[in-house]
Amino acid sequence: MVKILLCCSAGMSTSMVVQRMQKAATQLGLEAKIDAVGMEEFNEKIAEYDCCLLGPQIKYKLADFERQAQEYHKPVTVINTMDYGMLNGEKILKSALALIDANKGA
């Protein structure tokens, strides 16, 4: 099972993205746990997940979150703005999977 954490300013705007990603995972026959949280919850949740995707609206926090996630060897990246806006769950899921695979190889 892959575990993906999405983080945005309040954890609200990513909820639709989570739904689309879950649907894509089901279609791909992939067992996935995908959750969305607000920025305040990031530090207490990141250890439980394989990676974290940040909503484009908080990309300015990427360096801070990468530093915090480094302690747990978890990769963090920003969701592509176009994919986020279009709620392209499959593409976002595949980019998360690639991020997890790259981290395993590192």
N, C-alpha and C. Protein backbone atom coordinates (compact mmCIF):
# COMPACT_ATOMS: atom_id res chain seq x y z
N MET A 1 0.85 -1.18 0.00
CA MET A 1 0.00 0.00 0.00
C MET A 1 0.89 1.25 0.00
N VAL A 2 0.53 2.19 -0.86
CA VAL A 2 1.23 3.47 -0.85
C VAL A 2 0.44 4.46 -0.01
N LYS A 3 1.17 5.34 0.67
CA LYS A 3 0.54 6.33 1.54
C LYS A 3 1.02 7.70 1.11
N ILE A 4 0.06 8.52 0.67
CA ILE A 4 0.38 9.84 0.13
C ILE A 4 -0.35 10.90 0.95
N LEU A 5 0.42 11.89 1.38
CA LEU A 5 -0.13 12.99 2.15
C LEU A 5 -0.17 14.24 1.27
N LEU A 6 -1.32 14.88 1.21
CA LEU A 6 -1.44 16.16 0.52
C LEU A 6 -1.58 17.23 1.58
N CYS A 7 -0.96 18.35 1.32
CA CYS A 7 -0.98 19.43 2.30
C CYS A 7 -1.28 20.75 1.59
N CYS A 8 -2.23 21.49 2.16
CA CYS A 8 -2.52 22.82 1.63
C CYS A 8 -2.72 23.76 2.81
N SER A 9 -3.14 24.96 2.56
CA SER A 9 -3.22 25.93 3.66
C SER A 9 -4.14 25.47 4.78
N ALA A 10 -5.28 24.87 4.45
CA ALA A 10 -6.20 24.43 5.51
C ALA A 10 -6.61 22.97 5.37
N GLY A 11 -6.17 22.29 4.31
CA GLY A 11 -6.56 20.89 4.10
C GLY A 11 -7.89 20.74 3.39
N MET A 12 -8.47 21.86 2.98
CA MET A 12 -9.80 21.82 2.36
C MET A 12 -9.72 21.71 0.83
N SER A 13 -8.94 22.56 0.21
CA SER A 13 -8.94 22.61 -1.25
C SER A 13 -8.39 21.34 -1.87
N THR A 14 -7.61 20.57 -1.12
CA THR A 14 -7.06 19.34 -1.68
C THR A 14 -8.02 18.16 -1.56
N SER A 15 -9.13 18.32 -0.86
CA SER A 15 -10.02 17.18 -0.66
C SER A 15 -10.59 16.63 -1.96
N MET A 16 -10.89 17.50 -2.92
CA MET A 16 -11.37 17.03 -4.22
C MET A 16 -10.25 16.32 -4.99
N VAL A 17 -9.03 16.82 -4.84
CA VAL A 17 -7.88 16.17 -5.48
C VAL A 17 -7.70 14.77 -4.90
N VAL A 18 -7.84 14.64 -3.59
CA VAL A 18 -7.73 13.34 -2.93
C VAL A 18 -8.75 12.37 -3.51
N GLN A 19 -9.99 12.82 -3.65
CA GLN A 19 -11.03 11.96 -4.21
C GLN A 19 -10.67 11.48 -5.62
N ARG A 20 -10.17 12.38 -6.43
CA ARG A 20 -9.78 12.01 -7.80
C ARG A 20 -8.59 11.06 -7.81
N MET A 21 -7.65 11.28 -6.90
CA MET A 21 -6.50 10.38 -6.81
C MET A 21 -6.92 8.99 -6.34
N GLN A 22 -7.84 8.92 -5.37
CA GLN A 22 -8.35 7.62 -4.89
C GLN A 22 -9.03 6.87 -6.03
N LYS A 23 -9.82 7.60 -6.81
CA LYS A 23 -10.51 6.98 -7.94
C LYS A 23 -9.50 6.44 -8.94
N ALA A 24 -8.46 7.21 -9.23
CA ALA A 24 -7.42 6.77 -10.16
C ALA A 24 -6.69 5.54 -9.61
N ALA A 25 -6.41 5.53 -8.32
CA ALA A 25 -5.73 4.38 -7.70
C ALA A 25 -6.58 3.13 -7.83
N THR A 26 -7.87 3.26 -7.58
CA THR A 26 -8.79 2.13 -7.72
C THR A 26 -8.79 1.61 -9.15
N GLN A 27 -8.85 2.52 -10.12
CA GLN A 27 -8.85 2.12 -11.53
C GLN A 27 -7.55 1.42 -11.93
N LEU A 28 -6.46 1.81 -11.28
CA LEU A 28 -5.16 1.19 -11.57
C LEU A 28 -4.93 -0.08 -10.75
N GLY A 29 -5.89 -0.42 -9.89
CA GLY A 29 -5.76 -1.59 -9.04
C GLY A 29 -4.70 -1.42 -7.96
N LEU A 30 -4.52 -0.18 -7.54
CA LEU A 30 -3.49 0.16 -6.57
C LEU A 30 -4.12 0.42 -5.21
N GLU A 31 -3.58 -0.21 -4.18
CA GLU A 31 -4.06 0.05 -2.82
C GLU A 31 -3.35 1.30 -2.32
N ALA A 32 -4.11 2.32 -1.99
CA ALA A 32 -3.51 3.59 -1.60
C ALA A 32 -4.28 4.24 -0.46
N LYS A 33 -3.53 4.86 0.42
CA LYS A 33 -4.11 5.70 1.47
C LYS A 33 -3.68 7.12 1.12
N ILE A 34 -4.65 7.97 0.84
CA ILE A 34 -4.37 9.34 0.43
C ILE A 34 -5.19 10.27 1.32
N ASP A 35 -4.48 11.15 2.01
CA ASP A 35 -5.15 12.07 2.94
C ASP A 35 -4.69 13.50 2.70
N ALA A 36 -5.54 14.44 3.10
CA ALA A 36 -5.21 15.86 3.01
C ALA A 36 -5.22 16.47 4.39
N VAL A 37 -4.23 17.31 4.66
CA VAL A 37 -4.15 18.01 5.94
C VAL A 37 -3.78 19.47 5.70
N GLY A 38 -3.98 20.28 6.72
CA GLY A 38 -3.54 21.66 6.69
C GLY A 38 -2.07 21.74 7.06
N MET A 39 -1.45 22.88 6.79
CA MET A 39 -0.02 23.06 7.05
C MET A 39 0.36 22.76 8.50
N GLU A 40 -0.51 23.10 9.43
CA GLU A 40 -0.20 22.92 10.85
C GLU A 40 -0.03 21.44 11.22
N GLU A 41 -0.67 20.55 10.47
CA GLU A 41 -0.63 19.12 10.79
C GLU A 41 0.52 18.38 10.11
N PHE A 42 1.21 19.05 9.20
CA PHE A 42 2.25 18.39 8.41
C PHE A 42 3.27 17.66 9.28
N ASN A 43 3.83 18.35 10.25
CA ASN A 43 4.91 17.80 11.05
C ASN A 43 4.50 16.55 11.82
N GLU A 44 3.26 16.52 12.30
CA GLU A 44 2.83 15.35 13.08
C GLU A 44 2.40 14.19 12.20
N LYS A 45 2.18 14.41 10.91
CA LYS A 45 1.67 13.36 10.02
C LYS A 45 2.71 12.78 9.06
N ILE A 46 3.73 13.54 8.67
CA ILE A 46 4.62 13.13 7.58
C ILE A 46 5.28 11.77 7.81
N ALA A 47 5.60 11.42 9.02
CA ALA A 47 6.28 10.15 9.30
C ALA A 47 5.44 8.94 8.89
N GLU A 48 4.12 9.10 8.84
CA GLU A 48 3.21 7.99 8.53
C GLU A 48 3.05 7.75 7.02
N TYR A 49 3.59 8.63 6.18
CA TYR A 49 3.34 8.58 4.73
C TYR A 49 4.62 8.36 3.94
N ASP A 50 4.45 7.93 2.69
CA ASP A 50 5.60 7.70 1.80
C ASP A 50 6.11 8.98 1.19
N CYS A 51 5.23 9.96 1.02
CA CYS A 51 5.62 11.25 0.45
C CYS A 51 4.55 12.29 0.77
N CYS A 52 4.88 13.53 0.47
CA CYS A 52 3.92 14.61 0.66
C CYS A 52 3.89 15.49 -0.58
N LEU A 53 2.69 15.82 -1.01
CA LEU A 53 2.49 16.73 -2.13
C LEU A 53 1.86 18.01 -1.59
N LEU A 54 2.47 19.13 -1.93
CA LEU A 54 1.95 20.42 -1.46
C LEU A 54 1.05 21.04 -2.52
N GLY A 55 -0.03 21.65 -2.07
CA GLY A 55 -0.88 22.41 -2.97
C GLY A 55 -0.10 23.59 -3.52
N PRO A 56 -0.33 23.97 -4.78
CA PRO A 56 0.42 25.07 -5.38
C PRO A 56 0.36 26.37 -4.59
N GLN A 57 -0.72 26.58 -3.85
CA GLN A 57 -0.88 27.83 -3.10
C GLN A 57 0.10 27.96 -1.93
N ILE A 58 0.76 26.85 -1.54
CA ILE A 58 1.74 26.93 -0.45
C ILE A 58 3.14 26.50 -0.91
N LYS A 59 3.40 26.63 -2.21
CA LYS A 59 4.72 26.23 -2.71
C LYS A 59 5.86 27.02 -2.07
N TYR A 60 5.55 28.20 -1.56
CA TYR A 60 6.57 29.00 -0.89
C TYR A 60 7.09 28.32 0.39
N LYS A 61 6.37 27.30 0.89
CA LYS A 61 6.76 26.57 2.10
C LYS A 61 7.58 25.31 1.80
N LEU A 62 7.85 25.06 0.52
CA LEU A 62 8.51 23.81 0.12
C LEU A 62 9.82 23.58 0.88
N ALA A 63 10.70 24.55 0.92
CA ALA A 63 12.01 24.36 1.59
C ALA A 63 11.83 24.02 3.07
N ASP A 64 10.89 24.68 3.73
CA ASP A 64 10.62 24.39 5.15
C ASP A 64 10.13 22.96 5.34
N PHE A 65 9.19 22.55 4.49
CA PHE A 65 8.63 21.21 4.61
C PHE A 65 9.66 20.14 4.25
N GLU A 66 10.50 20.42 3.26
CA GLU A 66 11.55 19.46 2.89
C GLU A 66 12.49 19.24 4.07
N ARG A 67 12.85 20.31 4.76
CA ARG A 67 13.72 20.20 5.93
C ARG A 67 13.09 19.32 7.01
N GLN A 68 11.81 19.55 7.27
CA GLN A 68 11.11 18.77 8.30
C GLN A 68 10.99 17.30 7.89
N ALA A 69 10.70 17.05 6.62
CA ALA A 69 10.49 15.69 6.13
C ALA A 69 11.80 14.91 6.00
N GLN A 70 12.91 15.62 5.87
CA GLN A 70 14.22 15.00 5.72
C GLN A 70 14.54 14.10 6.92
N GLU A 71 14.09 14.51 8.08
CA GLU A 71 14.30 13.73 9.30
C GLU A 71 13.76 12.31 9.16
N TYR A 72 12.69 12.15 8.39
CA TYR A 72 12.04 10.85 8.18
C TYR A 72 12.36 10.26 6.81
N HIS A 73 13.23 10.92 6.06
CA HIS A 73 13.60 10.49 4.70
C HIS A 73 12.38 10.39 3.78
N LYS A 74 11.51 11.39 3.87
CA LYS A 74 10.29 11.44 3.06
C LYS A 74 10.42 12.57 2.04
N PRO A 75 10.13 12.28 0.78
CA PRO A 75 10.20 13.33 -0.24
C PRO A 75 8.96 14.23 -0.22
N VAL A 76 9.18 15.48 -0.59
CA VAL A 76 8.11 16.47 -0.65
C VAL A 76 8.25 17.22 -1.97
N THR A 77 7.15 17.47 -2.64
CA THR A 77 7.16 18.27 -3.86
C THR A 77 5.85 19.04 -3.96
N VAL A 78 5.80 19.94 -4.92
CA VAL A 78 4.60 20.75 -5.15
C VAL A 78 3.82 20.14 -6.30
N ILE A 79 2.51 20.07 -6.16
CA ILE A 79 1.65 19.56 -7.23
C ILE A 79 1.68 20.55 -8.39
N ASN A 80 1.77 20.02 -9.60
CA ASN A 80 1.73 20.85 -10.80
C ASN A 80 0.44 21.68 -10.78
N THR A 81 0.58 22.98 -10.98
CA THR A 81 -0.55 23.91 -10.89
C THR A 81 -1.67 23.55 -11.86
N MET A 82 -1.31 23.20 -13.09
CA MET A 82 -2.33 22.85 -14.09
C MET A 82 -3.07 21.57 -13.69
N ASP A 83 -2.33 20.56 -13.25
CA ASP A 83 -2.96 19.30 -12.83
C ASP A 83 -3.87 19.53 -11.63
N TYR A 84 -3.42 20.37 -10.71
CA TYR A 84 -4.21 20.70 -9.52
C TYR A 84 -5.51 21.40 -9.91
N GLY A 85 -5.39 22.40 -10.75
CA GLY A 85 -6.56 23.17 -11.19
C GLY A 85 -7.55 22.33 -11.98
N MET A 86 -7.04 21.36 -12.73
CA MET A 86 -7.90 20.49 -13.55
C MET A 86 -8.36 19.25 -12.78
N LEU A 87 -7.93 19.15 -11.50
CA LEU A 87 -8.26 17.98 -10.67
C LEU A 87 -7.88 16.67 -11.37
N ASN A 88 -6.68 16.67 -11.97
CA ASN A 88 -6.21 15.49 -12.70
C ASN A 88 -5.60 14.49 -11.71
N GLY A 89 -6.48 13.74 -11.06
CA GLY A 89 -6.07 12.80 -10.04
C GLY A 89 -5.09 11.75 -10.52
N GLU A 90 -5.31 11.25 -11.73
CA GLU A 90 -4.42 10.21 -12.25
C GLU A 90 -3.00 10.73 -12.44
N LYS A 91 -2.88 11.89 -13.03
CA LYS A 91 -1.55 12.46 -13.27
C LYS A 91 -0.85 12.80 -11.96
N ILE A 92 -1.58 13.36 -11.01
CA ILE A 92 -1.01 13.69 -9.71
C ILE A 92 -0.58 12.42 -8.98
N LEU A 93 -1.41 11.38 -9.05
CA LEU A 93 -1.08 10.09 -8.43
C LEU A 93 0.20 9.53 -9.05
N LYS A 94 0.28 9.55 -10.37
CA LYS A 94 1.47 8.99 -11.04
C LYS A 94 2.73 9.78 -10.69
N SER A 95 2.60 11.09 -10.52
CA SER A 95 3.79 11.87 -10.14
C SER A 95 4.20 11.54 -8.70
N ALA A 96 3.23 11.28 -7.83
CA ALA A 96 3.54 10.87 -6.46
C ALA A 96 4.23 9.52 -6.43
N LEU A 97 3.75 8.58 -7.25
CA LEU A 97 4.35 7.26 -7.33
C LEU A 97 5.79 7.34 -7.84
N ALA A 98 6.02 8.20 -8.81
CA ALA A 98 7.38 8.40 -9.34
C ALA A 98 8.28 8.99 -8.26
N LEU A 99 7.75 9.90 -7.47
CA LEU A 99 8.51 10.52 -6.38
C LEU A 99 8.89 9.47 -5.33
N ILE A 100 7.95 8.59 -5.00
CA ILE A 100 8.21 7.52 -4.03
C ILE A 100 9.27 6.57 -4.58
N ASP A 101 9.14 6.19 -5.84
CA ASP A 101 10.12 5.27 -6.46
C ASP A 101 11.51 5.89 -6.48
N ALA A 102 11.59 7.17 -6.82
CA ALA A 102 12.88 7.87 -6.87
C ALA A 102 13.50 7.91 -5.46
N ASN A 103 12.67 8.08 -4.45
CA ASN A 103 13.16 8.14 -3.07
C ASN A 103 13.69 6.79 -2.60
N LYS A 104 13.05 5.71 -3.06
CA LYS A 104 13.50 4.38 -2.69
C LYS A 104 14.86 4.08 -3.30
N GLY A 105 15.08 4.61 -4.51
CA GLY A 105 16.35 4.39 -5.20
C GLY A 105 17.48 5.25 -4.67
N ALA A 106 17.14 6.28 -3.91
CA ALA A 106 18.16 7.23 -3.43
C ALA A 106 18.96 6.68 -2.27
